[in-house]
Amino acid sequence: MFTCIFLLICHITACLWIIIASLEEGDPNTWLEEKYQVMTDSEQYLTAFYFTITTITTVGYGDISGGTQTEKAGAILLMILGVIAFSVSSASLTSIFSSHDKTEAAIKERLEMLQKL
């Protein structure tokens, strides 16, 4: 379920990344105008999806970046989203392991009590 939600968020963000650049059409600083304008729509989507994944996972190679103020603001929001998603995922995983350990300890305690009887 987490993977599906993650991919959906990445899809929406990739589409927004293309829309932001399209709204600033004619500005030579947008990521689409620089070197990606000659790509097909599917290649632009794949490039935007790649940018989204690398930015959300905090790798961010820097080969694609925002050139305009709007794109930079969008990239900042994407980085914040990535940090929040990573934090929530880590906290959830920690909670799962913690509750598993407590349950296992309770089972062992009950087994020991039964063995004493």
N, C-alpha and C. Protein backbone atom coordinates (compact mmCIF):
# COMPACT_ATOMS: atom_id res chain seq x y z
N MET A 1 0.82 -1.19 0.00
CA MET A 1 0.00 0.00 0.00
C MET A 1 0.87 1.26 0.00
N PHE A 2 1.94 1.22 0.82
CA PHE A 2 2.84 2.37 0.89
C PHE A 2 3.46 2.66 -0.48
N THR A 3 3.84 1.60 -1.18
CA THR A 3 4.46 1.77 -2.50
C THR A 3 3.48 2.42 -3.48
N CYS A 4 2.23 1.99 -3.45
CA CYS A 4 1.22 2.58 -4.34
C CYS A 4 1.02 4.06 -4.04
N ILE A 5 0.93 4.41 -2.77
CA ILE A 5 0.76 5.81 -2.39
C ILE A 5 1.98 6.62 -2.80
N PHE A 6 3.17 6.05 -2.59
CA PHE A 6 4.41 6.73 -2.96
C PHE A 6 4.45 7.00 -4.46
N LEU A 7 4.10 5.99 -5.25
CA LEU A 7 4.12 6.16 -6.71
C LEU A 7 3.07 7.16 -7.18
N LEU A 8 1.91 7.17 -6.53
CA LEU A 8 0.87 8.14 -6.87
C LEU A 8 1.34 9.56 -6.57
N ILE A 9 1.96 9.76 -5.42
CA ILE A 9 2.49 11.08 -5.08
C ILE A 9 3.57 11.50 -6.07
N CYS A 10 4.42 10.56 -6.46
CA CYS A 10 5.47 10.87 -7.43
C CYS A 10 4.87 11.22 -8.79
N HIS A 11 3.83 10.51 -9.19
CA HIS A 11 3.16 10.80 -10.46
C HIS A 11 2.57 12.21 -10.45
N ILE A 12 1.84 12.53 -9.40
CA ILE A 12 1.22 13.85 -9.30
C ILE A 12 2.29 14.94 -9.29
N THR A 13 3.35 14.72 -8.55
CA THR A 13 4.42 15.71 -8.47
C THR A 13 5.13 15.87 -9.80
N ALA A 14 5.36 14.78 -10.51
CA ALA A 14 5.99 14.86 -11.83
C ALA A 14 5.11 15.66 -12.79
N CYS A 15 3.82 15.44 -12.74
CA CYS A 15 2.90 16.21 -13.58
C CYS A 15 2.94 17.69 -13.21
N LEU A 16 2.96 17.99 -11.91
CA LEU A 16 3.04 19.38 -11.48
C LEU A 16 4.36 20.02 -11.90
N TRP A 17 5.43 19.25 -11.89
CA TRP A 17 6.74 19.76 -12.30
C TRP A 17 6.72 20.17 -13.77
N ILE A 18 6.03 19.38 -14.59
CA ILE A 18 5.89 19.73 -16.01
C ILE A 18 4.97 20.94 -16.17
N ILE A 19 3.88 20.98 -15.41
CA ILE A 19 2.93 22.09 -15.50
C ILE A 19 3.59 23.40 -15.10
N ILE A 20 4.38 23.39 -14.03
CA ILE A 20 5.07 24.61 -13.60
C ILE A 20 5.95 25.14 -14.72
N ALA A 21 6.71 24.25 -15.36
CA ALA A 21 7.59 24.68 -16.45
C ALA A 21 6.78 25.15 -17.66
N SER A 22 5.65 24.50 -17.91
CA SER A 22 4.81 24.88 -19.05
C SER A 22 4.17 26.24 -18.85
N LEU A 23 3.83 26.58 -17.61
CA LEU A 23 3.24 27.88 -17.32
C LEU A 23 4.22 29.02 -17.57
N GLU A 24 5.49 28.70 -17.47
CA GLU A 24 6.52 29.71 -17.69
C GLU A 24 7.16 29.54 -19.06
N GLU A 25 6.36 29.07 -19.99
CA GLU A 25 6.85 28.83 -21.35
C GLU A 25 7.46 30.10 -21.94
N GLY A 26 8.57 29.96 -22.58
CA GLY A 26 9.26 31.10 -23.16
C GLY A 26 10.40 31.60 -22.28
N ASP A 27 10.36 31.27 -20.99
CA ASP A 27 11.45 31.63 -20.08
C ASP A 27 12.61 30.67 -20.34
N PRO A 28 13.76 31.16 -20.74
CA PRO A 28 14.87 30.26 -21.08
C PRO A 28 15.47 29.54 -19.87
N ASN A 29 15.04 29.90 -18.66
CA ASN A 29 15.61 29.29 -17.47
C ASN A 29 14.86 28.06 -16.96
N THR A 30 13.69 27.77 -17.52
CA THR A 30 12.96 26.59 -17.05
C THR A 30 13.70 25.33 -17.44
N TRP A 31 13.46 24.29 -16.71
CA TRP A 31 14.17 23.04 -16.99
C TRP A 31 13.75 22.47 -18.35
N LEU A 32 12.52 22.75 -18.78
CA LEU A 32 12.08 22.26 -20.09
C LEU A 32 12.74 23.00 -21.24
N GLU A 33 12.96 24.28 -21.08
CA GLU A 33 13.54 25.08 -22.16
C GLU A 33 15.03 24.79 -22.34
N GLU A 34 15.71 24.46 -21.26
CA GLU A 34 17.15 24.28 -21.31
C GLU A 34 17.57 23.21 -22.31
N LYS A 35 17.18 21.98 -22.04
CA LYS A 35 17.63 20.89 -22.91
C LYS A 35 16.59 19.81 -23.14
N TYR A 36 15.43 19.97 -22.53
CA TYR A 36 14.43 18.90 -22.61
C TYR A 36 13.25 19.24 -23.52
N GLN A 37 13.27 20.40 -24.14
CA GLN A 37 12.16 20.82 -24.99
C GLN A 37 11.98 19.91 -26.20
N VAL A 38 13.08 19.35 -26.70
CA VAL A 38 13.00 18.52 -27.90
C VAL A 38 12.49 17.11 -27.60
N MET A 39 12.25 16.80 -26.36
CA MET A 39 11.76 15.47 -25.98
C MET A 39 10.27 15.33 -26.28
N THR A 40 9.85 14.09 -26.43
CA THR A 40 8.42 13.81 -26.55
C THR A 40 7.77 13.99 -25.18
N ASP A 41 6.45 14.00 -25.16
CA ASP A 41 5.74 14.15 -23.89
C ASP A 41 6.08 13.03 -22.92
N SER A 42 6.16 11.80 -23.42
CA SER A 42 6.47 10.68 -22.53
C SER A 42 7.90 10.78 -21.99
N GLU A 43 8.83 11.27 -22.80
CA GLU A 43 10.21 11.45 -22.33
C GLU A 43 10.28 12.57 -21.29
N GLN A 44 9.50 13.62 -21.49
CA GLN A 44 9.45 14.70 -20.50
C GLN A 44 8.86 14.20 -19.19
N TYR A 45 7.80 13.38 -19.29
CA TYR A 45 7.20 12.81 -18.07
C TYR A 45 8.20 11.93 -17.34
N LEU A 46 8.88 11.07 -18.08
CA LEU A 46 9.86 10.18 -17.46
C LEU A 46 10.98 10.98 -16.79
N THR A 47 11.41 12.05 -17.43
CA THR A 47 12.45 12.90 -16.85
C THR A 47 11.93 13.59 -15.59
N ALA A 48 10.69 14.08 -15.62
CA ALA A 48 10.10 14.72 -14.45
C ALA A 48 9.90 13.70 -13.32
N PHE A 49 9.51 12.48 -13.68
CA PHE A 49 9.33 11.42 -12.68
C PHE A 49 10.68 11.07 -12.05
N TYR A 50 11.71 10.99 -12.86
CA TYR A 50 13.07 10.73 -12.38
C TYR A 50 13.50 11.83 -11.41
N PHE A 51 13.26 13.10 -11.78
CA PHE A 51 13.60 14.22 -10.90
C PHE A 51 12.87 14.09 -9.57
N THR A 52 11.58 13.75 -9.64
CA THR A 52 10.77 13.61 -8.43
C THR A 52 11.32 12.53 -7.52
N ILE A 53 11.61 11.37 -8.07
CA ILE A 53 12.14 10.26 -7.26
C ILE A 53 13.47 10.64 -6.62
N THR A 54 14.38 11.21 -7.41
CA THR A 54 15.70 11.54 -6.85
C THR A 54 15.60 12.64 -5.80
N THR A 55 14.67 13.55 -5.95
CA THR A 55 14.53 14.63 -4.98
C THR A 55 13.84 14.15 -3.71
N ILE A 56 12.77 13.37 -3.85
CA ILE A 56 12.05 12.88 -2.68
C ILE A 56 12.94 11.95 -1.85
N THR A 57 13.74 11.15 -2.49
CA THR A 57 14.59 10.22 -1.75
C THR A 57 15.88 10.89 -1.27
N THR A 58 15.96 12.17 -1.39
CA THR A 58 17.05 13.02 -0.92
C THR A 58 18.39 12.74 -1.60
N VAL A 59 18.37 12.05 -2.71
CA VAL A 59 19.61 11.83 -3.44
C VAL A 59 19.93 13.07 -4.26
N GLY A 60 18.98 13.52 -5.06
CA GLY A 60 19.08 14.74 -5.83
C GLY A 60 20.40 14.93 -6.56
N TYR A 61 20.60 14.24 -7.65
CA TYR A 61 21.87 14.29 -8.36
C TYR A 61 22.20 15.68 -8.90
N GLY A 62 21.22 16.52 -9.14
CA GLY A 62 21.47 17.87 -9.64
C GLY A 62 21.52 17.98 -11.14
N ASP A 63 21.32 16.87 -11.86
CA ASP A 63 21.33 16.93 -13.32
C ASP A 63 20.09 17.65 -13.85
N ILE A 64 19.01 17.65 -13.07
CA ILE A 64 17.81 18.40 -13.40
C ILE A 64 17.51 19.27 -12.19
N SER A 65 17.31 20.55 -12.41
CA SER A 65 17.00 21.44 -11.29
C SER A 65 16.13 22.58 -11.77
N GLY A 66 15.51 23.22 -10.82
CA GLY A 66 14.66 24.35 -11.14
C GLY A 66 15.49 25.56 -11.52
N GLY A 67 15.12 26.19 -12.60
CA GLY A 67 15.84 27.37 -13.04
C GLY A 67 15.13 28.66 -12.73
N THR A 68 13.82 28.60 -12.57
CA THR A 68 13.05 29.80 -12.26
C THR A 68 12.70 29.80 -10.78
N GLN A 69 12.21 30.93 -10.30
CA GLN A 69 11.86 31.04 -8.89
C GLN A 69 10.73 30.07 -8.53
N THR A 70 9.75 29.92 -9.41
CA THR A 70 8.64 29.00 -9.15
C THR A 70 9.12 27.56 -9.09
N GLU A 71 10.00 27.19 -10.01
CA GLU A 71 10.54 25.83 -10.00
C GLU A 71 11.37 25.58 -8.75
N LYS A 72 12.14 26.56 -8.33
CA LYS A 72 12.93 26.40 -7.11
C LYS A 72 12.04 26.24 -5.89
N ALA A 73 10.96 27.02 -5.83
CA ALA A 73 10.01 26.89 -4.72
C ALA A 73 9.36 25.50 -4.74
N GLY A 74 9.00 25.03 -5.94
CA GLY A 74 8.43 23.68 -6.06
C GLY A 74 9.41 22.61 -5.62
N ALA A 75 10.67 22.77 -5.98
CA ALA A 75 11.70 21.79 -5.59
C ALA A 75 11.89 21.80 -4.07
N ILE A 76 11.85 22.99 -3.46
CA ILE A 76 11.97 23.08 -2.00
C ILE A 76 10.82 22.34 -1.33
N LEU A 77 9.60 22.57 -1.82
CA LEU A 77 8.44 21.88 -1.25
C LEU A 77 8.56 20.37 -1.42
N LEU A 78 9.10 19.95 -2.56
CA LEU A 78 9.29 18.52 -2.81
C LEU A 78 10.32 17.93 -1.84
N MET A 79 11.37 18.66 -1.57
CA MET A 79 12.37 18.18 -0.61
C MET A 79 11.78 18.07 0.80
N ILE A 80 10.97 19.06 1.18
CA ILE A 80 10.32 19.01 2.49
C ILE A 80 9.38 17.82 2.56
N LEU A 81 8.62 17.58 1.49
CA LEU A 81 7.74 16.41 1.42
C LEU A 81 8.54 15.12 1.58
N GLY A 82 9.69 15.04 0.93
CA GLY A 82 10.53 13.85 1.03
C GLY A 82 11.02 13.61 2.44
N VAL A 83 11.44 14.67 3.13
CA VAL A 83 11.92 14.53 4.50
C VAL A 83 10.80 14.09 5.42
N ILE A 84 9.62 14.68 5.24
CA ILE A 84 8.47 14.30 6.07
C ILE A 84 8.09 12.85 5.81
N ALA A 85 8.04 12.45 4.54
CA ALA A 85 7.68 11.06 4.22
C ALA A 85 8.70 10.09 4.80
N PHE A 86 9.98 10.42 4.71
CA PHE A 86 11.01 9.55 5.28
C PHE A 86 10.87 9.46 6.80
N SER A 87 10.59 10.59 7.45
CA SER A 87 10.43 10.60 8.90
C SER A 87 9.22 9.77 9.34
N VAL A 88 8.11 9.93 8.64
CA VAL A 88 6.91 9.17 8.98
C VAL A 88 7.15 7.67 8.76
N SER A 89 7.81 7.33 7.67
CA SER A 89 8.11 5.92 7.39
C SER A 89 9.01 5.32 8.47
N SER A 90 10.02 6.06 8.86
CA SER A 90 10.94 5.58 9.90
C SER A 90 10.22 5.42 11.23
N ALA A 91 9.38 6.38 11.57
CA ALA A 91 8.64 6.30 12.83
C ALA A 91 7.66 5.13 12.81
N SER A 92 7.01 4.90 11.69
CA SER A 92 6.07 3.77 11.59
C SER A 92 6.79 2.44 11.72
N LEU A 93 7.92 2.32 11.07
CA LEU A 93 8.70 1.08 11.15
C LEU A 93 9.19 0.85 12.58
N THR A 94 9.64 1.91 13.23
CA THR A 94 10.08 1.79 14.63
C THR A 94 8.94 1.36 15.52
N SER A 95 7.76 1.91 15.30
CA SER A 95 6.58 1.55 16.08
C SER A 95 6.21 0.09 15.87
N ILE A 96 6.29 -0.38 14.64
CA ILE A 96 5.97 -1.79 14.34
C ILE A 96 6.93 -2.72 15.07
N PHE A 97 8.23 -2.41 15.00
CA PHE A 97 9.22 -3.25 15.68
C PHE A 97 9.05 -3.20 17.19
N SER A 98 8.75 -2.03 17.72
CA SER A 98 8.56 -1.88 19.16
C SER A 98 7.37 -2.69 19.65
N SER A 99 6.24 -2.61 18.96
CA SER A 99 5.06 -3.36 19.38
C SER A 99 5.29 -4.87 19.21
N HIS A 100 6.05 -5.26 18.19
CA HIS A 100 6.37 -6.67 18.00
C HIS A 100 7.22 -7.18 19.17
N ASP A 101 8.18 -6.40 19.60
CA ASP A 101 9.03 -6.79 20.73
C ASP A 101 8.22 -6.91 22.01
N LYS A 102 7.29 -5.99 22.25
CA LYS A 102 6.45 -6.03 23.45
C LYS A 102 5.55 -7.26 23.43
N THR A 103 4.98 -7.56 22.28
CA THR A 103 4.11 -8.73 22.15
C THR A 103 4.90 -10.00 22.38
N GLU A 104 6.08 -10.08 21.82
CA GLU A 104 6.92 -11.26 21.99
C GLU A 104 7.33 -11.44 23.45
N ALA A 105 7.65 -10.34 24.13
CA ALA A 105 8.01 -10.41 25.55
C ALA A 105 6.83 -10.87 26.39
N ALA A 106 5.63 -10.42 26.08
CA ALA A 106 4.44 -10.83 26.82
C ALA A 106 4.16 -12.31 26.61
N ILE A 107 4.34 -12.81 25.41
CA ILE A 107 4.13 -14.23 25.12
C ILE A 107 5.14 -15.08 25.90
N LYS A 108 6.39 -14.67 25.92
CA LYS A 108 7.41 -15.41 26.67
C LYS A 108 7.08 -15.43 28.15
N GLU A 109 6.61 -14.31 28.68
CA GLU A 109 6.27 -14.24 30.10
C GLU A 109 5.12 -15.19 30.43
N ARG A 110 4.13 -15.24 29.56
CA ARG A 110 2.99 -16.14 29.78
C ARG A 110 3.41 -17.60 29.69
N LEU A 111 4.29 -17.90 28.74
CA LEU A 111 4.79 -19.27 28.62
C LEU A 111 5.56 -19.70 29.86
N GLU A 112 6.36 -18.79 30.39
CA GLU A 112 7.11 -19.10 31.61
C GLU A 112 6.16 -19.34 32.79
N MET A 113 5.09 -18.54 32.86
CA MET A 113 4.11 -18.73 33.94
C MET A 113 3.42 -20.08 33.80
N LEU A 114 3.09 -20.47 32.57
CA LEU A 114 2.44 -21.77 32.34
C LEU A 114 3.38 -22.92 32.66
N GLN A 115 4.65 -22.77 32.37
CA GLN A 115 5.61 -23.83 32.66
C GLN A 115 5.79 -24.02 34.16
N LYS A 116 5.64 -22.97 34.96
CA LYS A 116 5.75 -23.05 36.41
C LYS A 116 4.55 -23.77 37.02
N LEU A 117 3.42 -23.72 36.34
CA LEU A 117 2.21 -24.38 36.87
C LEU A 117 2.35 -25.83 36.62
